Protein backbone atom coordinates (compact mmCIF):
# COMPACT_ATOMS: atom_id res chain seq x y z
CA MET A 1 -51.58 -51.94 4.75
CA PHE A 2 -48.43 -52.92 5.88
CA LYS A 3 -45.06 -51.34 7.04
CA MET A 4 -42.23 -53.69 7.70
CA ASN A 5 -39.06 -52.88 5.54
CA ASN A 6 -38.51 -50.74 2.32
CA VAL A 7 -37.80 -53.81 0.51
CA PHE A 8 -41.41 -55.58 1.74
CA ASP A 9 -43.00 -52.08 1.28
CA GLU A 10 -41.63 -51.83 -2.70
CA LEU A 11 -42.44 -55.87 -3.73
CA TYR A 12 -46.26 -55.31 -1.99
CA SER A 13 -46.56 -52.03 -3.55
CA TYR A 14 -45.37 -53.81 -7.19
CA MET A 15 -48.00 -56.79 -6.18
CA GLU A 16 -50.57 -53.86 -5.72
CA SER A 17 -50.18 -52.68 -9.27
CA ILE A 18 -50.06 -54.99 -11.34
CA ARG A 19 -52.99 -57.44 -13.18
CA VAL A 20 -53.47 -60.93 -11.81
CA ILE A 21 -54.74 -63.67 -13.28
CA ASN A 22 -56.42 -66.05 -10.71
CA THR A 23 -56.07 -69.98 -10.81
CA HIS A 24 -58.98 -70.93 -8.78
CA SER A 25 -62.16 -69.61 -7.51
CA HIS A 26 -65.68 -71.00 -6.61
CA HIS A 27 -67.70 -67.44 -7.39
CA PRO A 28 -71.47 -68.06 -7.07
CA GLU A 29 -74.12 -67.02 -9.39
CA ASP A 30 -75.01 -63.27 -9.57
CA LYS A 31 -78.40 -64.00 -7.50
CA PHE A 32 -75.71 -65.00 -4.15
CA PHE A 33 -75.20 -61.66 -4.17
CA LEU A 34 -78.72 -60.02 -3.98
CA ASP A 35 -79.07 -60.40 -0.28
CA LEU A 36 -75.77 -59.88 1.01
CA ASP A 37 -74.67 -59.00 4.24
CA LEU A 38 -71.84 -59.59 6.68
CA GLU A 39 -73.51 -62.53 8.37
CA LYS A 40 -73.75 -63.87 4.50
CA ILE A 41 -70.30 -63.29 3.66
CA LEU A 42 -68.82 -64.69 7.02
CA LYS A 43 -71.33 -68.17 7.33
CA THR A 44 -70.41 -68.88 3.47
CA SER A 45 -66.50 -68.07 4.30
CA TYR A 46 -63.71 -69.86 5.43
CA ALA A 47 -64.18 -68.60 8.93
CA GLU A 48 -67.53 -70.63 9.24
CA TRP A 49 -64.73 -73.60 9.08
CA CYS A 50 -63.61 -72.75 12.69
CA GLY A 51 -67.02 -74.31 13.83
CA VAL A 52 -67.98 -71.48 16.27
CA SER A 53 -71.81 -70.05 15.66
CA PHE A 54 -73.31 -66.73 16.16
CA ASP A 55 -77.08 -65.09 15.73
CA ASN A 56 -78.28 -61.42 15.46
CA THR A 57 -77.61 -60.94 19.32
CA LEU A 58 -74.58 -59.03 20.70
CA GLU A 59 -73.71 -61.71 23.05
CA LYS A 60 -73.26 -64.18 20.17
CA ARG A 61 -71.54 -61.58 18.20
CA GLU A 62 -68.97 -61.07 20.49
CA ASP A 63 -68.58 -64.19 21.80
CA TYR A 64 -67.82 -65.42 17.97
CA LEU A 65 -65.14 -62.53 17.10
CA ASN A 66 -63.72 -63.37 20.35
CA ARG A 67 -63.14 -66.70 19.40
CA VAL A 68 -62.16 -66.36 15.51
CA ARG A 69 -60.20 -63.15 15.76
CA TYR A 70 -56.80 -64.02 15.33
CA ASN A 71 -57.71 -67.33 12.86
CA SER A 72 -55.79 -66.52 9.51
CA TYR A 73 -59.05 -67.00 7.78
CA PHE A 74 -61.05 -64.60 9.96
CA ILE A 75 -57.95 -62.00 9.82
CA TRP A 76 -57.83 -61.78 6.27
CA LEU A 77 -61.43 -61.59 5.45
CA GLU A 78 -61.51 -58.81 7.59
CA LYS A 79 -58.58 -56.95 6.25
CA ALA A 80 -61.02 -57.20 3.00
CA LEU A 81 -63.77 -55.81 4.44
CA GLN A 82 -61.95 -52.53 5.95
CA LYS A 83 -59.91 -52.09 2.41
CA ILE A 84 -63.26 -52.87 0.26
CA TYR A 85 -65.93 -50.83 2.20
CA GLN A 86 -62.87 -48.58 4.37
CA PHE A 87 -63.42 -48.64 7.61
CA ASP A 88 -60.18 -49.12 9.62
CA CYS A 89 -61.57 -50.64 13.48
CA PRO A 90 -62.03 -54.02 13.71
CA ILE A 91 -65.28 -55.84 13.40
CA SER A 92 -66.85 -55.64 16.87
CA SER A 93 -70.95 -56.27 17.85
CA ASP A 94 -71.41 -52.44 18.15
CA ASN A 95 -69.98 -51.51 14.50
CA TRP A 96 -71.69 -54.99 13.16
CA ASP A 97 -74.56 -53.54 11.76
CA THR A 98 -72.97 -50.63 10.25
CA ILE A 99 -71.01 -52.38 8.57
CA SER A 100 -73.58 -55.10 7.33
CA ASN A 101 -75.63 -52.29 6.04
CA THR A 102 -72.73 -50.32 4.03
CA ILE A 103 -71.92 -53.86 2.29
CA SER A 104 -75.83 -54.39 1.44
CA GLU A 105 -76.13 -50.48 0.19
CA ALA A 106 -73.27 -51.31 -2.49
CA TYR A 107 -74.92 -54.27 -3.91
CA LYS A 108 -77.76 -52.34 -4.99
CA GLN A 109 -75.07 -50.62 -7.57
CA GLY A 110 -75.86 -53.96 -9.79
CA ASN A 111 -73.24 -56.62 -9.90
CA TYR A 112 -70.62 -55.03 -7.39
CA HIS A 113 -69.47 -58.25 -6.62
CA LEU A 114 -67.55 -58.25 -10.43
CA ASP A 115 -66.23 -54.46 -9.39
CA ILE A 116 -64.56 -55.60 -7.15
CA LEU A 117 -62.91 -58.76 -8.91
CA GLN A 118 -62.17 -56.42 -11.84
CA ASN A 119 -61.27 -53.01 -9.79
CA GLU A 120 -60.39 -53.37 -6.58
CA CYS A 121 -58.32 -57.32 -7.22
CA LYS A 122 -57.18 -56.44 -10.59
CA TYR A 123 -58.52 -59.83 -12.06
CA GLU A 124 -57.55 -60.02 -15.66
CA LYS A 125 -59.30 -63.58 -15.87
CA VAL A 126 -60.58 -66.35 -13.10
CA ILE A 127 -60.57 -69.26 -13.90
CA LEU A 128 -63.69 -71.01 -12.06
CA ASP A 129 -64.21 -73.99 -10.78
CA ASN A 130 -68.05 -74.27 -11.00
CA VAL A 131 -69.66 -76.87 -8.28
CA TRP A 132 -72.94 -76.70 -9.21
CA ASP A 133 -72.17 -76.28 -13.26
CA SER A 134 -69.08 -77.67 -13.67
CA GLY A 135 -67.44 -76.18 -17.04
CA SER A 136 -69.47 -73.23 -16.88
CA VAL A 137 -69.22 -69.27 -16.20
CA ASN A 138 -72.11 -67.90 -14.44
CA GLY A 139 -72.67 -65.97 -17.95
CA HIS A 140 -69.70 -63.45 -17.39
CA GLN A 141 -67.31 -64.43 -20.64
CA ASP A 142 -65.58 -61.68 -20.09
CA ILE A 143 -63.81 -62.47 -16.55
CA PHE A 144 -64.07 -65.85 -16.05
CA VAL A 145 -63.12 -69.17 -17.92
CA PRO A 146 -63.88 -72.54 -16.93
CA THR A 147 -62.26 -75.75 -15.34
CA TYR A 148 -63.91 -79.27 -15.27
CA ARG A 149 -64.79 -81.64 -12.56
CA VAL A 150 -63.71 -84.91 -13.81
CA ASN A 151 -64.04 -86.82 -10.49
CA VAL A 152 -67.50 -88.09 -11.45
CA PHE A 153 -66.28 -90.35 -14.43
CA LEU A 154 -64.64 -92.38 -11.64
CA TYR A 155 -68.30 -93.96 -10.45
CA GLY A 156 -68.76 -95.34 -13.84
CA TYR A 157 -68.97 -99.03 -12.25
CA SER A 158 -72.28 -98.60 -11.57
CA ASP A 159 -75.56 -96.08 -12.06
CA LYS A 160 -76.50 -96.46 -7.97
CA VAL A 161 -73.74 -94.70 -6.79
CA VAL A 162 -72.74 -90.80 -6.81
CA ASP A 163 -70.35 -88.56 -6.37
CA ARG A 164 -70.74 -86.39 -3.16
CA TYR A 165 -72.39 -83.45 -5.37
CA GLY A 166 -74.94 -86.19 -6.38
CA ASN A 167 -73.78 -87.20 -9.98
CA ASN A 168 -73.21 -90.24 -11.63
CA PRO A 169 -71.61 -90.07 -15.10
CA LYS A 170 -74.13 -92.96 -16.56
CA LYS A 171 -77.22 -90.83 -15.98
CA LEU A 172 -75.54 -87.51 -16.45
CA PHE A 173 -74.09 -88.58 -19.72
CA ASN A 174 -76.30 -91.51 -20.67
CA ILE A 175 -73.55 -93.21 -20.82
CA ASN A 176 -74.52 -97.05 -20.89
CA THR A 177 -72.25 -99.43 -21.55
CA LYS A 178 -70.56 -102.54 -19.98
CA ASP A 179 -67.26 -102.09 -22.66
CA ILE A 180 -64.19 -100.44 -21.06
CA ASP A 181 -63.23 -98.93 -24.22
CA GLU A 182 -66.53 -97.56 -25.34
CA TYR A 183 -66.82 -96.06 -21.59
CA VAL A 184 -63.53 -93.91 -22.11
CA ALA A 185 -64.29 -93.17 -25.61
CA LEU A 186 -67.41 -91.44 -24.67
CA MET A 187 -65.62 -89.77 -21.53
CA GLU A 188 -62.84 -88.38 -23.70
CA ASN A 189 -65.85 -86.99 -26.16
CA VAL A 190 -67.27 -85.35 -22.80
CA ILE A 191 -64.12 -84.07 -22.53
CA VAL A 192 -63.24 -82.62 -26.04
CA GLU A 193 -66.68 -80.78 -26.10
CA ARG A 194 -65.80 -78.86 -23.15
CA LYS A 195 -62.74 -78.14 -24.47
CA LYS A 196 -64.28 -76.76 -27.78
CA SER A 197 -66.84 -74.85 -25.57
CA GLY A 198 -63.50 -72.96 -23.40
CA THR A 199 -62.53 -75.15 -20.91
CA VAL A 200 -58.70 -74.24 -20.18
CA ALA A 201 -58.12 -77.29 -17.67
CA LEU A 202 -59.66 -80.61 -15.56
CA LYS A 203 -60.24 -80.33 -11.77
CA SER A 204 -59.47 -83.57 -9.53
CA ILE A 205 -61.36 -83.49 -6.15
CA GLY A 206 -60.64 -87.40 -5.63
CA ALA A 207 -58.68 -86.20 -1.70
CA TYR A 208 -62.67 -85.47 -0.64
CA GLU A 209 -63.84 -88.55 -2.07
CA ARG A 210 -61.18 -91.48 -2.05
CA THR A 211 -57.29 -91.44 -1.20
CA LEU A 212 -54.86 -90.00 -3.92
CA ASP A 213 -52.70 -93.20 -3.98
CA TYR A 214 -53.77 -94.23 -7.79
CA SER A 215 -51.53 -97.29 -9.21
CA VAL A 216 -51.62 -98.74 -12.86
CA VAL A 217 -54.16 -100.92 -13.54
CA SER A 218 -54.69 -103.45 -16.48
CA LYS A 219 -57.43 -102.66 -18.77
CA ASP A 220 -58.60 -106.03 -18.45
CA ARG A 221 -59.25 -105.61 -14.65
CA ALA A 222 -60.97 -102.50 -14.96
CA SER A 223 -63.22 -104.10 -17.70
CA ARG A 224 -64.13 -106.82 -15.23
CA VAL A 225 -64.92 -104.81 -12.77
CA LEU A 226 -67.29 -102.78 -15.27
CA LYS A 227 -69.08 -105.78 -15.91
CA LEU A 228 -69.84 -107.12 -12.43
CA ASP A 229 -73.03 -106.40 -10.76
CA ASP A 230 -73.50 -104.23 -7.96
CA HIS A 231 -73.66 -107.08 -5.54
CA SER A 232 -70.04 -108.74 -6.68
CA ARG A 233 -68.14 -105.63 -6.17
CA THR A 234 -65.28 -105.56 -3.40
CA LYS A 235 -63.85 -102.20 -2.31
CA LYS A 236 -60.54 -103.67 -4.08
CA ASP A 237 -62.42 -103.95 -7.37
CA ILE A 238 -63.79 -100.22 -7.42
CA LYS A 239 -60.48 -98.46 -6.43
CA GLU A 240 -58.80 -100.69 -9.26
CA PHE A 241 -61.66 -99.06 -11.69
CA GLU A 242 -61.07 -95.81 -10.25
CA ASP A 243 -57.99 -96.07 -10.73
CA TYR A 244 -57.62 -97.00 -14.21
CA ILE A 245 -60.20 -94.39 -14.90
CA PHE A 246 -57.90 -91.95 -13.23
CA PHE A 247 -54.88 -93.10 -15.01
CA GLU A 248 -57.51 -92.55 -18.65
CA ILE A 249 -57.91 -89.03 -17.58
CA CYS A 250 -54.71 -88.10 -17.29
CA ARG A 251 -53.81 -89.79 -20.63
CA ILE A 252 -56.21 -87.53 -22.38
CA ALA A 253 -55.24 -84.33 -20.43
CA ALA A 254 -52.12 -84.84 -21.95
CA LYS A 255 -53.82 -85.50 -25.88
CA TYR A 256 -55.52 -82.22 -25.51
CA ASP A 257 -52.92 -80.38 -23.63
CA LEU A 258 -55.58 -79.33 -20.59
CA PRO A 259 -53.89 -79.36 -17.25
CA ILE A 260 -55.33 -81.50 -14.44
CA GLN A 261 -55.64 -79.32 -11.24
CA CYS A 262 -55.42 -81.67 -8.21
CA HIS A 263 -56.56 -80.73 -4.88
CA THR A 264 -53.91 -81.88 -2.47
CA GLY A 265 -53.56 -81.73 1.23
CA LEU A 266 -56.40 -80.87 3.92
CA ALA A 267 -59.80 -83.26 2.88
CA LEU A 268 -60.24 -86.49 3.89
CA LEU A 269 -57.02 -86.36 5.64
CA GLU A 270 -56.03 -90.44 4.93
CA LYS A 271 -53.72 -90.21 1.68
CA THR A 272 -54.49 -86.85 0.64
CA ASN A 273 -51.30 -85.54 0.41
CA ALA A 274 -49.32 -84.78 -2.95
CA MET A 275 -46.51 -88.27 -2.78
CA GLU A 276 -49.42 -90.08 -3.13
CA LEU A 277 -50.10 -88.77 -6.71
CA ASN A 278 -46.31 -89.68 -7.13
CA GLU A 279 -47.25 -93.19 -9.24
CA VAL A 280 -49.20 -91.23 -11.71
CA ILE A 281 -47.08 -88.44 -11.86
CA LYS A 282 -44.58 -90.60 -12.62
CA ASN A 283 -45.95 -92.24 -15.36
CA ASN A 284 -47.56 -89.78 -17.22
CA PRO A 285 -44.73 -87.51 -17.98
CA ASP A 286 -46.52 -85.76 -20.92
CA THR A 287 -49.36 -84.92 -18.44
CA LYS A 288 -48.96 -81.00 -16.27
CA PHE A 289 -50.05 -81.89 -12.88
CA VAL A 290 -51.04 -78.64 -10.96
CA LEU A 291 -50.71 -79.97 -7.14
CA PHE A 292 -52.89 -77.14 -5.10
CA HIS A 293 -52.79 -75.66 -1.92
CA GLY A 294 -49.45 -76.40 -0.97
CA SER A 295 -50.31 -80.12 -0.24
CA TYR A 296 -50.83 -78.22 3.27
CA PRO A 297 -49.88 -79.26 6.28
CA TRP A 298 -47.50 -82.09 3.69
CA LEU A 299 -45.63 -79.00 2.49
CA GLU A 300 -42.53 -80.90 1.61
CA ASP A 301 -44.53 -83.55 -0.85
CA ILE A 302 -44.38 -80.52 -2.81
CA TYR A 303 -41.10 -79.63 -2.53
CA ALA A 304 -39.90 -83.14 -3.62
CA LEU A 305 -42.19 -83.88 -6.48
CA THR A 306 -41.97 -80.20 -7.76
CA HIS A 307 -38.01 -80.84 -7.70
CA ASN A 308 -37.92 -84.31 -9.48
CA TYR A 309 -40.99 -83.99 -12.22
CA LYS A 310 -40.74 -81.02 -14.81
CA ASN A 311 -44.61 -81.75 -15.34
CA VAL A 312 -45.84 -80.74 -11.90
CA TYR A 313 -46.92 -77.12 -11.66
CA PRO A 314 -47.24 -76.34 -7.67
CA ASP A 315 -50.16 -73.80 -7.02
CA ILE A 316 -50.51 -72.27 -3.82
CA CYS A 317 -53.81 -71.22 -4.28
CA TRP A 318 -55.54 -71.73 -0.47
CA LEU A 319 -52.56 -71.75 1.81
CA PRO A 320 -52.11 -68.52 2.14
CA LEU A 321 -55.58 -68.29 3.22
CA VAL A 322 -55.11 -71.28 5.45
CA SER A 323 -51.84 -70.48 7.02
CA PRO A 324 -49.79 -67.11 5.85
CA SER A 325 -46.62 -68.49 7.66
CA SER A 326 -46.62 -71.89 5.26
CA ALA A 327 -47.25 -70.18 2.28
CA GLU A 328 -44.23 -67.63 2.83
CA ARG A 329 -42.31 -71.30 3.47
CA MET A 330 -43.38 -72.61 0.48
CA VAL A 331 -42.88 -69.41 -2.01
CA GLU A 332 -39.11 -69.15 -0.26
CA GLU A 333 -38.37 -72.89 -0.60
CA LEU A 334 -40.03 -73.38 -3.91
CA ILE A 335 -37.91 -70.77 -5.46
CA GLU A 336 -34.96 -72.80 -4.06
CA VAL A 337 -35.79 -76.24 -5.70
CA SER A 338 -38.02 -75.46 -8.51
CA THR A 339 -38.13 -72.88 -11.76
CA VAL A 340 -40.11 -69.82 -11.29
CA ASP A 341 -42.02 -70.55 -14.57
CA ARG A 342 -44.33 -72.96 -12.87
CA ILE A 343 -45.46 -71.51 -9.47
CA CYS A 344 -49.28 -70.15 -9.69
CA TRP A 345 -51.92 -68.45 -7.54
CA GLY A 346 -55.56 -68.76 -6.82
CA CYS A 347 -57.73 -67.47 -4.54
CA ASP A 348 -60.17 -70.49 -3.59
CA SER A 349 -63.01 -68.79 -2.59
CA HIS A 350 -66.50 -67.87 -2.71
CA SER A 351 -67.76 -64.24 -2.33
CA SER A 352 -65.38 -61.26 -3.71
CA GLU A 353 -64.37 -60.33 -0.26
CA GLU A 354 -62.82 -63.14 0.60
CA SER A 355 -61.32 -63.24 -2.68
CA MET A 356 -59.47 -60.07 -1.61
CA GLY A 357 -58.78 -61.55 1.49
CA ALA A 358 -56.74 -64.17 -0.52
CA LEU A 359 -55.08 -62.03 -2.80
CA LEU A 360 -53.92 -59.75 0.72
CA ALA A 361 -52.82 -63.04 2.23
CA ALA A 362 -50.86 -63.98 -1.20
CA ARG A 363 -48.95 -60.32 -1.87
CA PHE A 364 -48.35 -60.57 2.42
CA SER A 365 -46.83 -64.20 2.01
CA ILE A 366 -45.06 -63.61 -1.11
CA ALA A 367 -43.45 -60.34 -0.18
CA ARG A 368 -42.48 -61.59 3.17
CA ALA A 369 -40.71 -64.57 1.71
CA LEU A 370 -39.21 -62.54 -1.69
CA SER A 371 -38.10 -59.44 1.13
CA LYS A 372 -36.11 -62.19 2.97
CA LYS A 373 -34.31 -63.18 -0.12
CA VAL A 374 -33.41 -59.63 -1.36
CA LYS A 375 -32.18 -58.80 2.16
CA CYS A 376 -29.81 -61.62 2.63
CA GLY A 377 -28.43 -61.13 -1.24
CA TYR A 378 -29.85 -64.14 -2.79
CA PHE A 379 -31.28 -62.35 -5.65
CA SER A 380 -32.15 -58.30 -6.48
CA THR A 381 -35.32 -56.44 -5.62
CA GLY A 382 -35.67 -56.48 -9.55
CA ASP A 383 -35.30 -60.17 -9.58
CA ALA A 384 -38.18 -60.94 -6.79
CA LYS A 385 -40.01 -58.61 -9.07
CA LYS A 386 -39.74 -60.32 -11.97
CA ILE A 387 -40.89 -63.76 -9.60
CA ILE A 388 -44.15 -61.63 -8.79
CA TYR A 389 -45.16 -61.33 -12.39
CA ASN A 390 -44.13 -64.72 -12.94
CA ILE A 391 -46.61 -65.59 -10.33
CA LEU A 392 -49.49 -63.54 -10.09
CA TYR A 393 -49.68 -63.41 -13.82
CA ASN A 394 -46.86 -64.79 -16.48
CA ASN A 395 -47.01 -68.37 -15.52
CA PRO A 396 -51.04 -68.96 -15.20
CA LYS A 397 -50.89 -67.01 -18.35
CA MET A 398 -48.78 -69.44 -20.53
CA LEU A 399 -49.48 -72.60 -18.51
CA TYR A 400 -53.47 -72.02 -19.41
CA LYS A 401 -52.79 -70.57 -22.65
CA LEU A 402 -55.17 -67.31 -21.90
């Protein structure tokens, strides 16, 4: 696909040959793929975030393609479609229907989406962040292992508030207590049961719901908030309860050796950069914090936290799709300031086609970063291949005990 220089080509070819452990995916249930075509792939991809609409007219399709053509989300999705469905020309309004029909025909073979993941992408395992049923694996235990979302527990101060998916812990788990110790114990029981059923990590999406500046809060303060009625609680009270519960989640994660995957960077934007997690990371040295997405666009936060805390694991999932240039820079600098046994990668995508695109973007970014290091004499081609194997396979295998 790419021809740049001999070292780049060798490293890229090596990545094409190895099995991969994908640390983060939102892969949907089988039924999602029953009516899959080009339009559905595009409208459920990150390219939709460009905010450019289209319909089935040539004019709207041409306008859409002209506007999103060079956006990174679209670039890598198109490259994936070209690779999977074996066509070379760019997507156009003229070949749109032909490509779409080819996709639809492929899915008449049954679970073609799994064939792409296992044979095209060469995923050995995929850690599934299941939005609609957290902790489940869509009935495909052979390839998926679950992570479990824990943010819902931060809403336990009232049965009248819900997270961004409409969930409340009191209703979801029948938790009816005003005792903070009992609340935490019940929360711990839920997490333990999830681990017994195969969960390999906890997941925090806090950056989509609040700031990441979790602070140390006393049990007395959190207990007081839990006992207040809905009309008495202030925003400060709510934050104190949330902060205390998140610290307890981190304690539980360490107790049961469950890494906690934290979304950092792009989300609500206000205080969602990774450095806001400094206090909680510093105060939980036995908890493994997996920091997602390179904290884009605040990449330097990841470098600093990874350098200073050995319980921080940088995961560049999504970053190569957002900006391959930033991913290239992050890989290069993480090698310099971190240790190569902590860096991981995941696709952070929905469709198998977009997962392939994310993998192509990761290969490109990693090969670019490492070939530069080889060419300047920082290390050898053999060293670069060891680093690749660590990032794409060995590190997640060890971290998540797969």
